[in-house]
Amino acid sequence: MRVHKVIPNIAVDDIAAARGFYADFLGLGDEEFNLGWVARFSSPDHGASVQLVTGDRTAEIDSDLSVMTDDVEAAYAEAQRSGYEIVHPLTSEEWGPRRFFVRAPDGTVVNVVGHPH
C-alpha cells in the first residue's frame, strides 16, 4: 500500500467547542471539511492535520487514525490476504471517499481511505 497522508482522529464531544484549541491555539486554522460529526483542521503552511470526531456516522466503531492511499481496493485486498481483522467493510461513502477500517495487531483501528479521481 502506498500511503500519502496519515491523520490522527481525535475523539471530541463537540467539534465547535474544540475548534478554538486546534484551529487557533495550535494553528490548524484551515478547516478542510466539516460534516458535523467529523472535521479536519490543517496547517496551511506545513500540511499537519487532525480530524476531530464525535462518533462515526456510518461505521459501528470509531477509528484511531486515517490513512490516505491511492488504491484503497488494493489495500483492502492486501489486508484480507494478510489476515488482518476488517472491522468496517470497504464502503463508498455519500461524501465521496471509499474506505474500510482494519484493526492493527496492537488494537489500533485504522480508517484506510481512497478518494476517486
C-alpha atoms as a PDB file:
ATOM      1  CA  MET A   1       0.000   0.000   0.000  1.00  0.00           C
ATOM      2  CA  ARG A   2       1.281   3.470  -0.862  1.00  0.00           C
ATOM      3  CA  VAL A   3       0.356   5.897   1.931  1.00  0.00           C
ATOM      4  CA  HIS A   4       0.431   9.600   1.177  1.00  0.00           C
ATOM      5  CA  LYS A   5      -1.045  11.024   4.394  1.00  0.00           C
ATOM      6  CA  VAL A   6      -1.688   9.889   7.970  1.00  0.00           C
ATOM      7  CA  ILE A   7      -4.098  11.880  10.148  1.00  0.00           C
ATOM      8  CA  PRO A   8      -4.884  11.246  13.820  1.00  0.00           C
ATOM      9  CA  ASN A   9      -8.582  11.049  14.662  1.00  0.00           C
ATOM     10  CA  ILE A  10      -9.280  12.738  17.991  1.00  0.00           C
ATOM     11  CA  ALA A  11     -12.490  11.882  19.830  1.00  0.00           C
ATOM     12  CA  VAL A  12     -14.299  15.035  20.995  1.00  0.00           C
ATOM     13  CA  ASP A  13     -17.753  15.671  22.407  1.00  0.00           C
ATOM     14  CA  ASP A  14     -18.303  18.872  20.415  1.00  0.00           C
ATOM     15  CA  ILE A  15     -16.360  19.959  17.331  1.00  0.00           C
ATOM     16  CA  ALA A  16     -17.346  23.616  17.676  1.00  0.00           C
ATOM     17  CA  ALA A  17     -16.138  23.699  21.295  1.00  0.00           C
ATOM     18  CA  ALA A  18     -12.810  22.065  20.349  1.00  0.00           C
ATOM     19  CA  ARG A  19     -12.228  24.285  17.288  1.00  0.00           C
ATOM     20  CA  GLY A  20     -10.600  27.124  19.236  1.00  0.00           C
ATOM     21  CA  PHE A  21      -7.883  24.914  20.651  1.00  0.00           C
ATOM     22  CA  TYR A  22      -6.993  23.054  17.455  1.00  0.00           C
ATOM     23  CA  ALA A  23      -7.609  25.817  14.894  1.00  0.00           C
ATOM     24  CA  ASP A  24      -6.483  28.881  16.830  1.00  0.00           C
ATOM     25  CA  PHE A  25      -4.062  27.779  19.541  1.00  0.00           C
ATOM     26  CA  LEU A  26      -2.350  25.009  17.534  1.00  0.00           C
ATOM     27  CA  GLY A  27      -2.556  26.982  14.291  1.00  0.00           C
ATOM     28  CA  LEU A  28      -4.505  24.350  12.352  1.00  0.00           C
ATOM     29  CA  GLY A  29      -6.842  27.041  11.036  1.00  0.00           C
ATOM     30  CA  ASP A  30      -7.659  25.588   7.624  1.00  0.00           C
ATOM     31  CA  GLU A  31     -10.966  23.712   8.026  1.00  0.00           C
ATOM     32  CA  GLU A  32     -10.744  21.315   5.076  1.00  0.00           C
ATOM     33  CA  PHE A  33     -14.214  19.916   5.687  1.00  0.00           C
ATOM     34  CA  ASN A  34     -16.824  19.639   8.419  1.00  0.00           C
ATOM     35  CA  LEU A  35     -19.606  17.054   8.210  1.00  0.00           C
ATOM     36  CA  GLY A  36     -20.927  17.864  11.678  1.00  0.00           C
ATOM     37  CA  TRP A  37     -19.585  14.638  13.176  1.00  0.00           C
ATOM     38  CA  VAL A  38     -16.068  14.839  11.692  1.00  0.00           C
ATOM     39  CA  ALA A  39     -13.992  17.879  10.753  1.00  0.00           C
ATOM     40  CA  ARG A  40     -10.416  18.158   9.505  1.00  0.00           C
ATOM     41  CA  PHE A  41      -8.223  21.059  10.573  1.00  0.00           C
ATOM     42  CA  SER A  42      -4.876  21.604   8.874  1.00  0.00           C
ATOM     43  CA  SER A  43      -1.955  23.978   8.823  1.00  0.00           C
ATOM     44  CA  PRO A  44      -1.823  25.879   5.539  1.00  0.00           C
ATOM     45  CA  ASP A  45       1.953  26.213   5.988  1.00  0.00           C
ATOM     46  CA  HIS A  46       3.001  22.679   6.947  1.00  0.00           C
ATOM     47  CA  GLY A  47       0.255  20.263   5.927  1.00  0.00           C
ATOM     48  CA  ALA A  48      -0.115  18.958   9.501  1.00  0.00           C
ATOM     49  CA  SER A  49      -3.694  17.810  10.152  1.00  0.00           C
ATOM     50  CA  VAL A  50      -6.012  16.424  12.795  1.00  0.00           C
ATOM     51  CA  GLN A  51      -9.551  15.155  12.483  1.00  0.00           C
ATOM     52  CA  LEU A  52     -11.994  15.809  15.293  1.00  0.00           C
ATOM     53  CA  VAL A  53     -14.644  13.095  15.516  1.00  0.00           C
ATOM     54  CA  THR A  54     -17.752  12.996  17.693  1.00  0.00           C
ATOM     55  CA  GLY A  55     -18.606   9.468  16.528  1.00  0.00           C
ATOM     56  CA  ASP A  56     -18.501   7.843  13.111  1.00  0.00           C
ATOM     57  CA  ARG A  57     -21.902   8.092  11.395  1.00  0.00           C
ATOM     58  CA  THR A  58     -21.570   5.124   9.050  1.00  0.00           C
ATOM     59  CA  ALA A  59     -19.362   2.679  10.950  1.00  0.00           C
ATOM     60  CA  GLU A  60     -20.172   0.791  14.130  1.00  0.00           C
ATOM     61  CA  ILE A  61     -16.754   1.596  15.599  1.00  0.00           C
ATOM     62  CA  ASP A  62     -14.616   4.747  15.675  1.00  0.00           C
ATOM     63  CA  SER A  63     -11.153   4.752  14.145  1.00  0.00           C
ATOM     64  CA  ASP A  64      -7.976   5.981  15.807  1.00  0.00           C
ATOM     65  CA  LEU A  65      -6.317   7.325  12.683  1.00  0.00           C
ATOM     66  CA  SER A  66      -6.944   7.781   8.988  1.00  0.00           C
ATOM     67  CA  VAL A  67      -4.520   6.691   6.299  1.00  0.00           C
ATOM     68  CA  MET A  68      -4.930   8.105   2.796  1.00  0.00           C
ATOM     69  CA  THR A  69      -3.918   5.838  -0.079  1.00  0.00           C
ATOM     70  CA  ASP A  70      -4.083   5.970  -3.863  1.00  0.00           C
ATOM     71  CA  ASP A  71      -5.548   2.458  -4.236  1.00  0.00           C
ATOM     72  CA  VAL A  72      -7.979   1.572  -1.458  1.00  0.00           C
ATOM     73  CA  GLU A  73      -9.188  -1.560  -3.270  1.00  0.00           C
ATOM     74  CA  ALA A  74      -5.647  -2.972  -3.386  1.00  0.00           C
ATOM     75  CA  ALA A  75      -5.139  -2.040   0.272  1.00  0.00           C
ATOM     76  CA  TYR A  76      -8.369  -3.843   1.199  1.00  0.00           C
ATOM     77  CA  ALA A  77      -7.322  -6.973  -0.711  1.00  0.00           C
ATOM     78  CA  GLU A  78      -3.890  -6.918   0.949  1.00  0.00           C
ATOM     79  CA  ALA A  79      -5.428  -6.537   4.433  1.00  0.00           C
ATOM     80  CA  GLN A  80      -7.629  -9.563   3.738  1.00  0.00           C
ATOM     81  CA  ARG A  81      -4.715 -11.638   2.375  1.00  0.00           C
ATOM     82  CA  SER A  82      -2.657 -10.723   5.429  1.00  0.00           C
ATOM     83  CA  GLY A  83      -5.401 -11.918   7.752  1.00  0.00           C
ATOM     84  CA  TYR A  84      -5.986  -8.569   9.466  1.00  0.00           C
ATOM     85  CA  GLU A  85      -9.371  -8.030  11.071  1.00  0.00           C
ATOM     86  CA  ILE A  86     -11.624  -5.856   8.919  1.00  0.00           C
ATOM     87  CA  VAL A  87     -13.914  -4.026  11.351  1.00  0.00           C
ATOM     88  CA  HIS A  88     -15.774  -1.942   8.717  1.00  0.00           C
ATOM     89  CA  PRO A  89     -16.096  -3.231   5.145  1.00  0.00           C
ATOM     90  CA  LEU A  90     -14.942  -1.410   2.024  1.00  0.00           C
ATOM     91  CA  THR A  91     -17.657   1.184   1.508  1.00  0.00           C
ATOM     92  CA  SER A  92     -18.336   4.070  -0.875  1.00  0.00           C
ATOM     93  CA  GLU A  93     -19.439   6.928   1.362  1.00  0.00           C
ATOM     94  CA  GLU A  94     -22.001   9.526   0.289  1.00  0.00           C
ATOM     95  CA  TRP A  95     -19.487  12.361   0.851  1.00  0.00           C
ATOM     96  CA  GLY A  96     -17.063  10.895  -1.704  1.00  0.00           C
ATOM     97  CA  PRO A  97     -14.350   8.577  -0.376  1.00  0.00           C
ATOM     98  CA  ARG A  98     -14.119   4.782  -0.409  1.00  0.00           C
ATOM     99  CA  ARG A  99     -12.861   3.424   2.886  1.00  0.00           C
ATOM    100  CA  PHE A 100     -12.575   0.485   5.240  1.00  0.00           C
ATOM    101  CA  PHE A 101     -11.424   0.011   8.825  1.00  0.00           C
ATOM    102  CA  VAL A 102      -8.773  -2.530   9.748  1.00  0.00           C
ATOM    103  CA  ARG A 103      -7.530  -3.421  13.219  1.00  0.00           C
ATOM    104  CA  ALA A 104      -3.751  -3.406  13.664  1.00  0.00           C
ATOM    105  CA  PRO A 105      -2.251  -6.212  15.780  1.00  0.00           C
ATOM    106  CA  ASP A 106      -1.879  -3.716  18.664  1.00  0.00           C
ATOM    107  CA  GLY A 107      -5.619  -2.962  18.596  1.00  0.00           C
ATOM    108  CA  THR A 108      -5.447   0.397  16.799  1.00  0.00           C
ATOM    109  CA  VAL A 109      -8.355   0.851  14.383  1.00  0.00           C
ATOM    110  CA  VAL A 110      -7.166   2.369  11.099  1.00  0.00           C
ATOM    111  CA  ASN A 111      -9.513   4.079   8.629  1.00  0.00           C
ATOM    112  CA  VAL A 112      -7.966   3.394   5.204  1.00  0.00           C
ATOM    113  CA  VAL A 113      -9.299   5.976   2.735  1.00  0.00           C
ATOM    114  CA  GLY A 114      -9.139   6.455  -1.011  1.00  0.00           C
ATOM    115  CA  HIS A 115     -10.640   9.295  -2.997  1.00  0.00           C
ATOM    116  CA  PRO A 116     -11.935   8.677  -6.509  1.00  0.00           C
ATOM    117  CA  HIS A 117     -10.007  10.519  -9.199  1.00  0.00           C
END
